[in-house]
PDB file of all heavy atoms in Angstrom:
ATOM      1  N   GLU A   1     212.691  80.641 204.623  1.00  0.00           N
ATOM      2  CA  GLU A   1     212.946  79.751 205.750  1.00  0.00           C
ATOM      3  C   GLU A   1     214.286  79.044 205.620  1.00  0.00           C
ATOM      4  O   GLU A   1     214.920  79.067 204.572  1.00  0.00           O
ATOM      5  CB  GLU A   1     211.753  78.806 205.903  1.00  0.00           C
ATOM      6  CG  GLU A   1     210.472  79.640 206.121  1.00  0.00           C
ATOM      7  CD  GLU A   1     209.241  78.812 206.397  1.00  0.00           C
ATOM      8  OE1 GLU A   1     209.340  77.578 206.513  1.00  0.00           O
ATOM      9  OE2 GLU A   1     208.152  79.405 206.490  1.00  0.00           O
ATOM     10  N   ASN A   2     214.725  78.409 206.702  1.00  0.00           N
ATOM     11  CA  ASN A   2     216.125  77.995 206.802  1.00  0.00           C
ATOM     12  C   ASN A   2     216.412  76.560 206.383  1.00  0.00           C
ATOM     13  O   ASN A   2     217.442  76.280 205.774  1.00  0.00           O
ATOM     14  CB  ASN A   2     216.612  78.184 208.249  1.00  0.00           C
ATOM     15  CG  ASN A   2     216.334  79.562 208.791  1.00  0.00           C
ATOM     16  OD1 ASN A   2     215.573  79.721 209.737  1.00  0.00           O
ATOM     17  ND2 ASN A   2     216.934  80.593 208.199  1.00  0.00           N
ATOM     18  N   VAL A   3     215.523  75.636 206.738  1.00  0.00           N
ATOM     19  CA  VAL A   3     215.768  74.209 206.505  1.00  0.00           C
ATOM     20  C   VAL A   3     214.504  73.563 205.957  1.00  0.00           C
ATOM     21  O   VAL A   3     213.397  73.858 206.419  1.00  0.00           O
ATOM     22  CB  VAL A   3     216.186  73.498 207.812  1.00  0.00           C
ATOM     23  CG1 VAL A   3     216.401  72.011 207.579  1.00  0.00           C
ATOM     24  CG2 VAL A   3     217.446  74.125 208.386  1.00  0.00           C
ATOM     25  N   MET A   4     214.663  72.671 204.967  1.00  0.00           N
ATOM     26  CA  MET A   4     213.540  71.980 204.355  1.00  0.00           C
ATOM     27  C   MET A   4     213.498  70.522 204.821  1.00  0.00           C
ATOM     28  O   MET A   4     214.484  69.794 204.660  1.00  0.00           O
ATOM     29  CB  MET A   4     213.662  72.016 202.829  1.00  0.00           C
ATOM     30  CG  MET A   4     213.823  73.408 202.247  1.00  0.00           C
ATOM     31  SD  MET A   4     212.340  74.392 202.454  1.00  0.00           S
ATOM     32  CE  MET A   4     213.039  76.032 202.632  1.00  0.00           C
ATOM     33  N   LEU A   5     212.383  70.115 205.383  1.00  0.00           N
ATOM     34  CA  LEU A   5     212.226  68.749 205.891  1.00  0.00           C
ATOM     35  C   LEU A   5     211.694  67.839 204.783  1.00  0.00           C
ATOM     36  O   LEU A   5     210.700  68.150 204.128  1.00  0.00           O
ATOM     37  CB  LEU A   5     211.269  68.749 207.080  1.00  0.00           C
ATOM     38  CG  LEU A   5     210.869  67.387 207.658  1.00  0.00           C
ATOM     39  CD1 LEU A   5     212.081  66.610 208.135  1.00  0.00           C
ATOM     40  CD2 LEU A   5     209.857  67.575 208.803  1.00  0.00           C
ATOM     41  N   LEU A   6     212.368  66.704 204.602  1.00  0.00           N
ATOM     42  CA  LEU A   6     211.971  65.725 203.588  1.00  0.00           C
ATOM     43  C   LEU A   6     211.925  64.342 204.229  1.00  0.00           C
ATOM     44  O   LEU A   6     212.935  63.841 204.709  1.00  0.00           O
ATOM     45  CB  LEU A   6     212.982  65.724 202.433  1.00  0.00           C
ATOM     46  CG  LEU A   6     212.670  64.822 201.246  1.00  0.00           C
ATOM     47  CD1 LEU A   6     211.474  65.361 200.448  1.00  0.00           C
ATOM     48  CD2 LEU A   6     213.884  64.689 200.338  1.00  0.00           C
ATOM     49  N   PHE A   7     210.749  63.729 204.236  1.00  0.00           N
ATOM     50  CA  PHE A   7     210.633  62.373 204.760  1.00  0.00           C
ATOM     51  C   PHE A   7     210.946  61.359 203.659  1.00  0.00           C
ATOM     52  O   PHE A   7     210.651  61.577 202.481  1.00  0.00           O
ATOM     53  CB  PHE A   7     209.233  62.112 205.314  1.00  0.00           C
ATOM     54  CG  PHE A   7     208.963  62.808 206.620  1.00  0.00           C
ATOM     55  CD1 PHE A   7     207.919  63.714 206.756  1.00  0.00           C
ATOM     56  CD2 PHE A   7     209.767  62.559 207.716  1.00  0.00           C
ATOM     57  CE1 PHE A   7     207.670  64.354 207.958  1.00  0.00           C
ATOM     58  CE2 PHE A   7     209.534  63.196 208.932  1.00  0.00           C
ATOM     59  CZ  PHE A   7     208.483  64.094 209.049  1.00  0.00           C
ATOM     60  N   ASN A   8     211.516  60.251 204.066  1.00  0.00           N
ATOM     61  CA  ASN A   8     211.946  59.199 203.148  1.00  0.00           C
ATOM     62  C   ASN A   8     210.756  58.634 202.367  1.00  0.00           C
ATOM     63  O   ASN A   8     209.783  58.161 202.955  1.00  0.00           O
ATOM     64  CB  ASN A   8     212.630  58.086 203.950  1.00  0.00           C
ATOM     65  CG  ASN A   8     213.443  57.161 203.084  1.00  0.00           C
ATOM     66  OD1 ASN A   8     213.229  57.063 201.893  1.00  0.00           O
ATOM     67  ND2 ASN A   8     214.397  56.467 203.699  1.00  0.00           N
ATOM     68  N   TYR A   9     210.845  58.701 201.041  1.00  0.00           N
ATOM     69  CA  TYR A   9     209.812  58.134 200.173  1.00  0.00           C
ATOM     70  C   TYR A   9     210.283  56.797 199.605  1.00  0.00           C
ATOM     71  O   TYR A   9     209.695  56.251 198.684  1.00  0.00           O
ATOM     72  CB  TYR A   9     209.512  59.125 199.044  1.00  0.00           C
ATOM     73  CG  TYR A   9     208.130  59.021 198.433  1.00  0.00           C
ATOM     74  CD1 TYR A   9     207.634  60.042 197.637  1.00  0.00           C
ATOM     75  CD2 TYR A   9     207.317  57.906 198.625  1.00  0.00           C
ATOM     76  CE1 TYR A   9     206.379  59.971 197.058  1.00  0.00           C
ATOM     77  CE2 TYR A   9     206.065  57.820 198.050  1.00  0.00           C
ATOM     78  CZ  TYR A   9     205.602  58.856 197.271  1.00  0.00           C
ATOM     79  OH  TYR A   9     204.357  58.772 196.698  1.00  0.00           O
ATOM     80  N   TYR A  10     211.390  56.289 200.144  1.00  0.00           N
ATOM     81  CA  TYR A  10     211.968  55.002 199.783  1.00  0.00           C
ATOM     82  C   TYR A  10     212.228  54.884 198.280  1.00  0.00           C
ATOM     83  O   TYR A  10     213.109  55.530 197.768  1.00  0.00           O
ATOM     84  CB  TYR A  10     211.116  53.863 200.344  1.00  0.00           C
ATOM     85  CG  TYR A  10     211.066  53.939 201.860  1.00  0.00           C
ATOM     86  CD1 TYR A  10     209.923  54.391 202.518  1.00  0.00           C
ATOM     87  CD2 TYR A  10     212.195  53.661 202.611  1.00  0.00           C
ATOM     88  CE1 TYR A  10     209.900  54.524 203.906  1.00  0.00           C
ATOM     89  CE2 TYR A  10     212.188  53.788 203.996  1.00  0.00           C
ATOM     90  CZ  TYR A  10     211.046  54.220 204.643  1.00  0.00           C
ATOM     91  OH  TYR A  10     211.043  54.357 205.994  1.00  0.00           O
ATOM     92  N   HIS A  11     211.467  54.095 197.537  1.00  0.00           N
ATOM     93  CA  HIS A  11     211.817  53.816 196.146  1.00  0.00           C
ATOM     94  C   HIS A  11     211.486  54.948 195.181  1.00  0.00           C
ATOM     95  O   HIS A  11     211.788  54.849 194.000  1.00  0.00           O
ATOM     96  CB  HIS A  11     211.114  52.539 195.687  1.00  0.00           C
ATOM     97  CG  HIS A  11     211.316  51.394 196.616  1.00  0.00           C
ATOM     98  ND1 HIS A  11     212.542  50.775 196.757  1.00  0.00           N
ATOM     99  CD2 HIS A  11     210.473  50.780 197.484  1.00  0.00           C
ATOM    100  CE1 HIS A  11     212.426  49.809 197.670  1.00  0.00           C
ATOM    101  NE2 HIS A  11     211.194  49.803 198.115  1.00  0.00           N
ATOM    102  N   PHE A  12     210.870  56.021 195.669  1.00  0.00           N
ATOM    103  CA  PHE A  12     210.434  57.107 194.794  1.00  0.00           C
ATOM    104  C   PHE A  12     211.101  58.426 195.163  1.00  0.00           C
ATOM    105  O   PHE A  12     211.457  58.655 196.318  1.00  0.00           O
ATOM    106  CB  PHE A  12     208.915  57.272 194.862  1.00  0.00           C
ATOM    107  CG  PHE A  12     208.168  55.995 194.583  1.00  0.00           C
ATOM    108  CD1 PHE A  12     207.373  55.412 195.563  1.00  0.00           C
ATOM    109  CD2 PHE A  12     208.264  55.382 193.354  1.00  0.00           C
ATOM    110  CE1 PHE A  12     206.689  54.239 195.311  1.00  0.00           C
ATOM    111  CE2 PHE A  12     207.586  54.201 193.089  1.00  0.00           C
ATOM    112  CZ  PHE A  12     206.795  53.626 194.069  1.00  0.00           C
ATOM    113  N   ASN A  13     211.211  59.304 194.166  1.00  0.00           N
ATOM    114  CA  ASN A  13     211.760  60.642 194.421  1.00  0.00           C
ATOM    115  C   ASN A  13     210.734  61.585 195.024  1.00  0.00           C
ATOM    116  O   ASN A  13     211.076  62.478 195.785  1.00  0.00           O
ATOM    117  CB  ASN A  13     212.266  61.266 193.116  1.00  0.00           C
ATOM    118  CG  ASN A  13     213.504  60.591 192.588  1.00  0.00           C
ATOM    119  OD1 ASN A  13     214.241  59.957 193.331  1.00  0.00           O
ATOM    120  ND2 ASN A  13     213.728  60.708 191.295  1.00  0.00           N
ATOM    121  N   GLY A  14     209.457  61.406 194.648  1.00  0.00           N
ATOM    122  CA  GLY A  14     208.475  62.426 194.981  1.00  0.00           C
ATOM    123  C   GLY A  14     208.739  63.678 194.155  1.00  0.00           C
ATOM    124  O   GLY A  14     209.547  63.679 193.219  1.00  0.00           O
ATOM    125  N   THR A  15     208.087  64.785 194.490  1.00  0.00           N
ATOM    126  CA  THR A  15     208.256  66.020 193.720  1.00  0.00           C
ATOM    127  C   THR A  15     208.822  67.177 194.528  1.00  0.00           C
ATOM    128  O   THR A  15     209.503  68.033 193.979  1.00  0.00           O
ATOM    129  CB  THR A  15     206.915  66.463 193.115  1.00  0.00           C
ATOM    130  OG1 THR A  15     205.944  66.546 194.167  1.00  0.00           O
ATOM    131  CG2 THR A  15     206.425  65.469 192.072  1.00  0.00           C
ATOM    132  N   LYS A  16     208.538  67.192 195.838  1.00  0.00           N
ATOM    133  CA  LYS A  16     208.946  68.373 196.610  1.00  0.00           C
ATOM    134  C   LYS A  16     210.464  68.526 196.693  1.00  0.00           C
ATOM    135  O   LYS A  16     210.970  69.631 196.854  1.00  0.00           O
ATOM    136  CB  LYS A  16     208.330  68.349 198.008  1.00  0.00           C
ATOM    137  CG  LYS A  16     208.763  67.196 198.907  1.00  0.00           C
ATOM    138  CD  LYS A  16     208.173  67.333 200.297  1.00  0.00           C
ATOM    139  CE  LYS A  16     206.689  67.152 200.337  1.00  0.00           C
ATOM    140  NZ  LYS A  16     206.224  65.767 200.136  1.00  0.00           N
ATOM    141  N   ILE A  17     211.195  67.426 196.533  1.00  0.00           N
ATOM    142  CA  ILE A  17     212.653  67.510 196.610  1.00  0.00           C
ATOM    143  C   ILE A  17     213.212  68.480 195.561  1.00  0.00           C
ATOM    144  O   ILE A  17     214.206  69.165 195.799  1.00  0.00           O
ATOM    145  CB  ILE A  17     213.299  66.118 196.459  1.00  0.00           C
ATOM    146  CG1 ILE A  17     214.810  66.185 196.728  1.00  0.00           C
ATOM    147  CG2 ILE A  17     213.011  65.511 195.105  1.00  0.00           C
ATOM    148  CD1 ILE A  17     215.481  64.828 196.751  1.00  0.00           C
ATOM    149  N   TYR A  18     212.539  68.581 194.420  1.00  0.00           N
ATOM    150  CA  TYR A  18     213.063  69.420 193.345  1.00  0.00           C
ATOM    151  C   TYR A  18     212.925  70.908 193.672  1.00  0.00           C
ATOM    152  O   TYR A  18     213.827  71.698 193.385  1.00  0.00           O
ATOM    153  CB  TYR A  18     212.362  69.087 192.029  1.00  0.00           C
ATOM    154  CG  TYR A  18     212.596  67.662 191.596  1.00  0.00           C
ATOM    155  CD1 TYR A  18     211.587  66.710 191.668  1.00  0.00           C
ATOM    156  CD2 TYR A  18     213.843  67.253 191.136  1.00  0.00           C
ATOM    157  CE1 TYR A  18     211.805  65.393 191.282  1.00  0.00           C
ATOM    158  CE2 TYR A  18     214.080  65.941 190.755  1.00  0.00           C
ATOM    159  CZ  TYR A  18     213.056  65.025 190.831  1.00  0.00           C
ATOM    160  OH  TYR A  18     213.277  63.718 190.465  1.00  0.00           O
ATOM    161  N   ASP A  19     211.796  71.298 194.271  1.00  0.00           N
ATOM    162  CA  ASP A  19     211.660  72.693 194.705  1.00  0.00           C
ATOM    163  C   ASP A  19     212.673  73.019 195.791  1.00  0.00           C
ATOM    164  O   ASP A  19     213.248  74.115 195.817  1.00  0.00           O
ATOM    165  CB  ASP A  19     210.245  72.958 195.223  1.00  0.00           C
ATOM    166  CG  ASP A  19     209.248  73.125 194.095  1.00  0.00           C
ATOM    167  OD1 ASP A  19     209.667  73.469 192.975  1.00  0.00           O
ATOM    168  OD2 ASP A  19     208.046  72.898 194.322  1.00  0.00           O
ATOM    169  N   TYR A  20     212.892  72.076 196.699  1.00  0.00           N
ATOM    170  CA  TYR A  20     213.902  72.280 197.743  1.00  0.00           C
ATOM    171  C   TYR A  20     215.285  72.510 197.125  1.00  0.00           C
ATOM    172  O   TYR A  20     216.029  73.400 197.548  1.00  0.00           O
ATOM    173  CB  TYR A  20     213.968  71.062 198.665  1.00  0.00           C
ATOM    174  CG  TYR A  20     212.771  70.829 199.559  1.00  0.00           C
ATOM    175  CD1 TYR A  20     212.706  69.704 200.380  1.00  0.00           C
ATOM    176  CD2 TYR A  20     211.695  71.709 199.605  1.00  0.00           C
ATOM    177  CE1 TYR A  20     211.622  69.460 201.212  1.00  0.00           C
ATOM    178  CE2 TYR A  20     210.612  71.482 200.439  1.00  0.00           C
ATOM    179  CZ  TYR A  20     210.582  70.350 201.238  1.00  0.00           C
ATOM    180  OH  TYR A  20     209.512  70.115 202.063  1.00  0.00           O
ATOM    181  N   LEU A  21     215.595  71.693 196.096  1.00  0.00           N
ATOM    182  CA  LEU A  21     216.887  71.841 195.426  1.00  0.00           C
ATOM    183  C   LEU A  21     216.992  73.198 194.733  1.00  0.00           C
ATOM    184  O   LEU A  21     218.019  73.878 194.805  1.00  0.00           O
ATOM    185  CB  LEU A  21     217.076  70.724 194.399  1.00  0.00           C
ATOM    186  CG  LEU A  21     217.323  69.314 194.939  1.00  0.00           C
ATOM    187  CD1 LEU A  21     217.180  68.288 193.819  1.00  0.00           C
ATOM    188  CD2 LEU A  21     218.697  69.201 195.572  1.00  0.00           C
ATOM    189  N   GLY A  22     215.913  73.585 194.063  1.00  0.00           N
ATOM    190  CA  GLY A  22     215.926  74.852 193.350  1.00  0.00           C
ATOM    191  C   GLY A  22     216.099  76.042 194.277  1.00  0.00           C
ATOM    192  O   GLY A  22     216.777  77.019 193.939  1.00  0.00           O
ATOM    193  N   LEU A  23     215.518  75.967 195.468  1.00  0.00           N
ATOM    194  CA  LEU A  23     215.630  77.057 196.446  1.00  0.00           C
ATOM    195  C   LEU A  23     217.009  77.141 197.082  1.00  0.00           C
ATOM    196  O   LEU A  23     217.359  78.153 197.690  1.00  0.00           O
ATOM    197  CB  LEU A  23     214.583  76.874 197.551  1.00  0.00           C
ATOM    198  CG  LEU A  23     213.128  77.145 197.155  1.00  0.00           C
ATOM    199  CD1 LEU A  23     212.188  76.664 198.245  1.00  0.00           C
ATOM    200  CD2 LEU A  23     212.908  78.618 196.865  1.00  0.00           C
ATOM    201  N   LYS A  24     217.769  76.056 196.989  1.00  0.00           N
ATOM    202  CA  LYS A  24     219.108  75.979 197.583  1.00  0.00           C
ATOM    203  C   LYS A  24     219.060  76.250 199.089  1.00  0.00           C
ATOM    204  O   LYS A  24     219.793  77.076 199.630  1.00  0.00           O
ATOM    205  CB  LYS A  24     220.075  76.931 196.878  1.00  0.00           C
ATOM    206  CG  LYS A  24     220.319  76.534 195.424  1.00  0.00           C
ATOM    207  CD  LYS A  24     221.482  77.279 194.790  1.00  0.00           C
ATOM    208  CE  LYS A  24     221.750  76.721 193.398  1.00  0.00           C
ATOM    209  NZ  LYS A  24     222.877  77.399 192.729  1.00  0.00           N
TER     210      LYS A  24
END
């Protein structure tokens, strides 16, 4: 898929951001 949606978790990173980064 083309674009990864990430909602603001404010003070936390969460975990899904890392898979998104790895997928580039």
